[in-house]
Amino acid sequence: MSDRTRETRDQYTFTDPSKLYAGYDPKRQHQPEPGLDQKLDPKPDLGEDTYRGSGRLQGRKALVTGADSGIGAATVIAYAREGADVVMSYLPEEEPDAQRVAAIAQDAGVQVVTVPGDLRDPAYCRDLVERAVEALGGLDLVVNNGGKQVYVEEIADLSDEQFDDTFKTNVYAMFWITKAAVPHLPPGSTIINTTSIQAYEPSPILVDYASTKATINAFTKALAQQLAPKGIRVNAVAPGPVWTVLQVTDGQPPEKLDEFGENTPLGRMGQPAELAPAFVFLASAESSYVAGETLGVTGGKPTP
């Protein structure tokens, strides 16, 4: 996308979605985990130049995990521009990306607090919630987005350690954070979990990752029924192939990056900026009758 297009387009601009980001051509590349957005070529569109807020989350108090890059970063920027204060969770190694995103969000005039740590640690997850409540004076919006994805060709090579790390990052952290957060959430609050198209169309090289995403779907739908009488809505967003640093830190084989996303009906990968509006919708009062839903943002790939 050209600089001129970035300047003139926002999420409300009428456009042909199959032509959006035309010429956006990721290079074959690799980074060690967890990787940095700022080293990606080309850099993902986080909506920093295009997302326009309209006060839909004015006064809300949000906690977002995986907030330094990709979908989490785009969500932080959108939430801030919609008027929400935000606590950002991410790994310490991701500090450069996190500080850039925090600065963009702070430009919207909201409070932004950074709390680095490892989601595999239950003590960190519980402390994260307490620090968010203390820093923001409460909590009413939780986005469980942090995730781990590393491909393995054969199950014989899928180590116990990786299987455990993937479940702890993607599932256990969601459980620990949600359990700690619920006592603080007033009626009208929302919880949003990030699942994936992998929950429905699992790749043979992502056995552990796809399994966690199916679990997140079930967790979301069960918890939504439990918390709905308390006035707390729980939903999920299921991204399709989206250009994030997750893909180049062994999330995909490098040779697949050349055609990443081309098998979607729209014929291209998505950008984090295209996911943020889904997280805004599910957080806002506009979705007041939506609970237990998994909202697919997949480029047209069917979901149940």
Protein backbone atom coordinates (compact mmCIF):
# COMPACT_ATOMS: atom_id res chain seq x y z
CA MET A 1 0.00 0.00 0.00
CA SER A 2 1.40 3.37 -0.97
CA ASP A 3 2.03 6.16 1.50
CA ARG A 4 -0.59 8.23 -0.32
CA THR A 5 -3.21 5.47 0.17
CA ARG A 6 -2.32 5.27 3.86
CA GLU A 7 -2.92 9.01 4.17
CA THR A 8 -6.35 9.07 2.54
CA ARG A 9 -7.98 5.75 3.49
CA ASP A 10 -9.58 4.80 6.79
CA GLN A 11 -11.71 1.83 7.90
CA TYR A 12 -14.83 3.51 6.53
CA THR A 13 -13.50 4.07 2.99
CA PHE A 14 -15.46 2.31 0.25
CA THR A 15 -13.02 -0.04 -1.47
CA ASP A 16 -12.68 -3.35 -3.30
CA PRO A 17 -11.41 -5.74 -0.60
CA SER A 18 -9.85 -8.07 -3.15
CA LYS A 19 -7.69 -5.20 -4.43
CA LEU A 20 -6.80 -3.76 -1.03
CA TYR A 21 -3.06 -4.02 -0.30
CA ALA A 22 -2.38 -4.82 -3.96
CA GLY A 23 1.34 -5.19 -4.50
CA TYR A 24 1.94 -6.02 -0.85
CA ASP A 25 4.62 -8.68 -1.29
CA PRO A 26 6.20 -10.23 1.82
CA LYS A 27 9.77 -11.39 1.37
CA ARG A 28 10.96 -14.83 2.41
CA GLN A 29 12.46 -14.18 5.84
CA HIS A 30 13.00 -15.63 9.28
CA GLN A 31 13.34 -14.34 12.85
CA PRO A 32 13.93 -16.25 16.09
CA GLU A 33 11.03 -16.25 18.53
CA PRO A 34 9.37 -14.01 19.55
CA GLY A 35 10.50 -11.68 16.74
CA LEU A 36 9.84 -8.00 16.15
CA ASP A 37 7.29 -6.28 13.92
CA GLN A 38 9.77 -3.53 13.10
CA LYS A 39 12.08 -6.08 11.44
CA LEU A 40 9.37 -7.49 9.14
CA ASP A 41 9.63 -6.78 5.41
CA PRO A 42 7.21 -5.28 4.57
CA LYS A 43 5.89 -4.02 7.88
CA PRO A 44 2.30 -4.96 8.78
CA ASP A 45 -0.42 -2.33 8.65
CA LEU A 46 -1.47 -1.79 12.27
CA GLY A 47 -3.90 0.97 11.36
CA GLU A 48 -1.54 3.58 12.76
CA ASP A 49 -2.11 5.74 9.65
CA THR A 50 -5.67 4.71 8.87
CA TYR A 51 -7.80 3.86 11.92
CA ARG A 52 -10.22 6.66 12.78
CA GLY A 53 -11.92 6.56 16.17
CA SER A 54 -15.42 7.80 16.98
CA GLY A 55 -15.68 7.50 20.78
CA ARG A 56 -17.18 4.00 20.77
CA LEU A 57 -15.16 2.90 23.82
CA GLN A 58 -14.97 6.20 25.66
CA GLY A 59 -13.97 5.68 29.29
CA ARG A 60 -13.44 1.93 28.98
CA LYS A 61 -10.57 0.18 30.78
CA ALA A 62 -8.92 -2.53 28.68
CA LEU A 63 -6.28 -5.22 29.13
CA VAL A 64 -4.77 -6.63 25.92
CA THR A 65 -2.25 -9.49 25.74
CA GLY A 66 0.09 -9.95 22.79
CA ALA A 67 -0.19 -6.19 22.56
CA ASP A 68 3.21 -5.33 21.12
CA SER A 69 2.65 -6.42 17.52
CA GLY A 70 0.23 -7.78 14.96
CA ILE A 71 -3.45 -8.09 15.86
CA GLY A 72 -2.88 -7.12 19.49
CA ALA A 73 -1.05 -3.94 18.54
CA ALA A 74 -3.73 -2.96 16.00
CA THR A 75 -6.36 -3.55 18.68
CA VAL A 76 -4.51 -1.36 21.19
CA ILE A 77 -4.31 1.48 18.67
CA ALA A 78 -7.99 1.16 17.76
CA TYR A 79 -9.11 0.96 21.40
CA ALA A 80 -7.07 4.04 22.29
CA ARG A 81 -8.52 6.02 19.40
CA GLU A 82 -12.01 4.93 20.48
CA GLY A 83 -11.33 6.41 23.93
CA ALA A 84 -10.26 3.43 26.05
CA ASP A 85 -7.37 3.36 28.51
CA VAL A 86 -5.22 0.28 27.87
CA VAL A 87 -2.82 -2.00 29.73
CA MET A 88 -0.48 -3.79 27.31
CA SER A 89 0.96 -7.27 28.00
CA TYR A 90 3.87 -8.68 25.99
CA LEU A 91 7.20 -10.49 26.38
CA PRO A 92 10.17 -8.43 27.64
CA GLU A 93 12.03 -9.21 24.40
CA GLU A 94 9.29 -7.37 22.52
CA GLU A 95 9.89 -4.05 24.31
CA PRO A 96 10.92 -2.07 21.18
CA ASP A 97 7.67 -2.91 19.39
CA ALA A 98 5.63 -2.34 22.54
CA GLN A 99 7.05 1.12 23.17
CA ARG A 100 6.29 2.18 19.59
CA VAL A 101 2.68 0.99 19.87
CA ALA A 102 2.26 2.56 23.32
CA ALA A 103 3.46 5.92 21.97
CA ILE A 104 0.97 5.77 19.08
CA ALA A 105 -1.86 4.89 21.49
CA GLN A 106 -0.90 7.64 23.95
CA ASP A 107 -1.17 10.18 21.15
CA ALA A 108 -4.93 9.58 21.34
CA GLY A 109 -4.91 11.17 24.78
CA VAL A 110 -5.61 8.03 26.81
CA GLN A 111 -3.68 6.25 29.54
CA VAL A 112 -1.44 3.42 28.32
CA VAL A 113 0.42 1.15 30.74
CA THR A 114 2.99 -1.45 29.69
CA VAL A 115 3.41 -4.62 31.78
CA PRO A 116 5.89 -7.04 30.18
CA GLY A 117 6.02 -10.68 31.26
CA ASP A 118 5.62 -14.31 30.21
CA LEU A 119 2.07 -15.62 29.77
CA ARG A 120 3.28 -19.13 30.61
CA ASP A 121 3.73 -17.97 34.21
CA PRO A 122 0.48 -18.12 36.22
CA ALA A 123 1.84 -15.66 38.80
CA TYR A 124 2.51 -13.09 36.06
CA CYS A 125 -0.99 -13.56 34.60
CA ARG A 126 -2.67 -12.99 37.95
CA ASP A 127 -0.44 -10.05 38.81
CA LEU A 128 -1.11 -8.57 35.37
CA VAL A 129 -4.81 -8.34 36.16
CA GLU A 130 -4.19 -6.78 39.57
CA ARG A 131 -1.80 -4.22 38.08
CA ALA A 132 -4.31 -3.38 35.38
CA VAL A 133 -7.08 -2.82 37.93
CA GLU A 134 -4.80 -0.67 40.06
CA ALA A 135 -3.38 1.37 37.18
CA LEU A 136 -6.69 2.03 35.43
CA GLY A 137 -8.92 2.21 38.49
CA GLY A 138 -10.89 -0.82 37.36
CA LEU A 139 -11.28 -3.17 34.42
CA ASP A 140 -14.15 -3.82 32.01
CA LEU A 141 -12.54 -5.16 28.84
CA VAL A 142 -10.18 -8.14 28.53
CA VAL A 143 -8.63 -9.29 25.25
CA ASN A 144 -6.83 -12.63 25.45
CA ASN A 145 -4.80 -12.40 22.28
CA GLY A 146 -1.23 -13.50 23.10
CA GLY A 147 -0.28 -16.66 21.25
CA LYS A 148 2.42 -19.12 20.25
CA GLN A 149 2.56 -20.86 16.84
CA VAL A 150 5.49 -22.99 15.68
CA TYR A 151 5.08 -25.49 12.85
CA VAL A 152 6.27 -29.09 13.17
CA GLU A 153 6.10 -31.43 10.18
CA GLU A 154 5.79 -34.73 12.08
CA ILE A 155 4.13 -35.50 15.42
CA ALA A 156 7.19 -37.58 16.31
CA ASP A 157 9.12 -34.29 16.33
CA LEU A 158 6.56 -32.35 18.37
CA SER A 159 8.22 -32.15 21.77
CA ASP A 160 6.43 -32.29 25.09
CA GLU A 161 7.97 -28.91 25.87
CA GLN A 162 6.54 -27.23 22.76
CA PHE A 163 3.12 -28.82 23.23
CA ASP A 164 3.10 -27.61 26.83
CA ASP A 165 4.34 -24.11 25.93
CA THR A 166 1.71 -23.71 23.22
CA PHE A 167 -1.12 -24.71 25.53
CA LYS A 168 0.18 -22.59 28.40
CA THR A 169 0.53 -19.51 26.19
CA ASN A 170 -2.70 -19.89 24.23
CA VAL A 171 -5.07 -21.61 26.67
CA TYR A 172 -3.82 -21.60 30.25
CA ALA A 173 -2.98 -17.89 30.18
CA MET A 174 -6.50 -17.16 28.93
CA PHE A 175 -7.88 -19.21 31.83
CA TRP A 176 -5.60 -17.63 34.46
CA ILE A 177 -6.25 -14.06 33.29
CA THR A 178 -10.00 -14.54 32.88
CA LYS A 179 -10.37 -16.21 36.27
CA ALA A 180 -8.48 -13.35 37.93
CA ALA A 181 -10.38 -10.68 35.99
CA VAL A 182 -13.98 -11.79 36.42
CA PRO A 183 -14.32 -10.65 40.07
CA HIS A 184 -13.35 -7.14 38.93
CA LEU A 185 -15.64 -6.93 35.88
CA PRO A 186 -18.87 -4.95 36.31
CA PRO A 187 -22.02 -5.68 34.28
CA GLY A 188 -21.50 -4.45 30.72
CA SER A 189 -17.93 -5.74 30.60
CA THR A 190 -16.61 -7.82 27.73
CA ILE A 191 -14.06 -10.59 27.28
CA ILE A 192 -12.72 -11.30 23.78
CA ASN A 193 -10.52 -14.29 22.95
CA THR A 194 -8.47 -14.75 19.79
CA THR A 195 -9.01 -18.11 18.12
CA SER A 196 -8.22 -18.91 14.44
CA ILE A 197 -9.36 -20.43 11.17
CA GLN A 198 -7.10 -23.24 12.37
CA ALA A 199 -9.86 -24.26 14.78
CA TYR A 200 -11.94 -25.25 11.72
CA GLU A 201 -9.34 -26.01 9.04
CA PRO A 202 -6.37 -27.35 11.00
CA SER A 203 -3.07 -27.52 9.16
CA PRO A 204 -1.23 -30.84 9.44
CA ILE A 205 1.91 -28.99 10.56
CA LEU A 206 0.12 -27.06 13.34
CA VAL A 207 -1.31 -29.87 15.46
CA ASP A 208 -0.64 -28.21 18.82
CA TYR A 209 -1.60 -24.68 17.71
CA ALA A 210 -4.83 -25.77 15.99
CA SER A 211 -5.79 -27.81 19.05
CA THR A 212 -5.46 -24.75 21.28
CA LYS A 213 -7.61 -22.68 18.97
CA ALA A 214 -10.42 -25.24 19.00
CA THR A 215 -10.16 -25.25 22.80
CA ILE A 216 -10.46 -21.44 22.87
CA ASN A 217 -13.70 -21.67 20.89
CA ALA A 218 -15.22 -24.14 23.35
CA PHE A 219 -13.97 -22.14 26.35
CA THR A 220 -15.53 -19.00 24.92
CA LYS A 221 -18.93 -20.54 24.28
CA ALA A 222 -19.11 -22.26 27.69
CA LEU A 223 -17.98 -19.19 29.63
CA ALA A 224 -20.34 -16.94 27.68
CA GLN A 225 -23.31 -18.94 29.01
CA GLN A 226 -21.95 -18.81 32.56
CA LEU A 227 -21.29 -15.07 32.62
CA ALA A 228 -24.22 -13.76 30.55
CA PRO A 229 -26.55 -13.60 33.60
CA LYS A 230 -23.93 -11.37 35.25
CA GLY A 231 -24.09 -8.98 32.30
CA ILE A 232 -20.63 -9.94 31.05
CA ARG A 233 -20.35 -10.88 27.39
CA VAL A 234 -17.70 -13.35 26.15
CA ASN A 235 -16.90 -13.68 22.43
CA ALA A 236 -14.03 -14.62 20.15
CA VAL A 237 -12.46 -13.48 16.89
CA ALA A 238 -11.15 -16.07 14.43
CA PRO A 239 -8.54 -14.56 12.09
CA GLY A 240 -7.57 -16.19 8.83
CA PRO A 241 -4.05 -15.80 7.41
CA VAL A 242 -2.82 -12.44 8.70
CA TRP A 243 0.60 -10.87 8.14
CA THR A 244 2.24 -10.75 11.58
CA VAL A 245 5.63 -11.56 13.05
CA LEU A 246 4.13 -14.90 14.16
CA GLN A 247 4.44 -16.12 10.58
CA VAL A 248 8.20 -15.56 10.27
CA THR A 249 9.17 -16.97 13.69
CA ASP A 250 8.53 -20.54 12.47
CA GLY A 251 4.77 -20.05 12.42
CA GLN A 252 4.95 -21.07 8.76
CA PRO A 253 7.67 -22.72 6.68
CA PRO A 254 9.61 -19.89 4.95
CA GLU A 255 8.80 -21.24 1.49
CA LYS A 256 5.07 -20.82 2.17
CA LEU A 257 5.39 -17.07 2.75
CA ASP A 258 5.52 -16.49 -1.02
CA GLU A 259 1.89 -17.59 -1.33
CA PHE A 260 0.63 -16.82 2.15
CA GLY A 261 -3.10 -16.09 2.09
CA GLU A 262 -3.57 -16.73 -1.63
CA ASN A 263 -5.91 -19.65 -0.94
CA THR A 264 -8.58 -17.37 0.56
CA PRO A 265 -11.55 -16.31 -1.59
CA LEU A 266 -10.23 -12.73 -1.47
CA GLY A 267 -6.93 -14.08 -2.77
CA ARG A 268 -4.65 -12.39 -0.27
CA MET A 269 -3.47 -12.31 3.33
CA GLY A 270 -5.12 -10.01 5.85
CA GLN A 271 -3.54 -7.16 7.76
CA PRO A 272 -3.82 -6.52 11.52
CA ALA A 273 -5.64 -3.27 10.77
CA GLU A 274 -8.45 -5.34 9.24
CA LEU A 275 -8.92 -7.29 12.49
CA ALA A 276 -9.09 -4.34 14.88
CA PRO A 277 -12.66 -3.28 13.92
CA ALA A 278 -13.93 -6.75 14.89
CA PHE A 279 -12.42 -6.35 18.36
CA VAL A 280 -13.93 -2.88 18.63
CA PHE A 281 -17.39 -4.12 17.63
CA LEU A 282 -17.37 -6.98 20.15
CA ALA A 283 -16.13 -4.64 22.90
CA SER A 284 -18.69 -1.90 22.25
CA ALA A 285 -22.33 -1.63 23.25
CA GLU A 286 -23.22 -2.08 19.58
CA SER A 287 -22.83 -5.84 20.12
CA SER A 288 -24.96 -5.90 23.29
CA TYR A 289 -26.92 -8.98 22.14
CA VAL A 290 -23.84 -10.90 20.94
CA ALA A 291 -22.45 -13.50 23.35
CA GLY A 292 -20.75 -16.83 22.75
CA GLU A 293 -20.03 -15.84 19.16
CA THR A 294 -16.88 -16.54 17.15
CA LEU A 295 -16.55 -13.78 14.57
CA GLY A 296 -14.57 -14.98 11.57
CA VAL A 297 -12.28 -12.50 9.83
CA THR A 298 -10.87 -14.96 7.35
CA GLY A 299 -10.78 -13.41 3.89
CA GLY A 300 -13.85 -15.48 2.99
CA LYS A 301 -12.71 -18.90 4.21
CA PRO A 302 -15.87 -20.59 5.55
CA THR A 303 -16.37 -21.23 9.25
CA PRO A 304 -19.23 -23.18 10.89
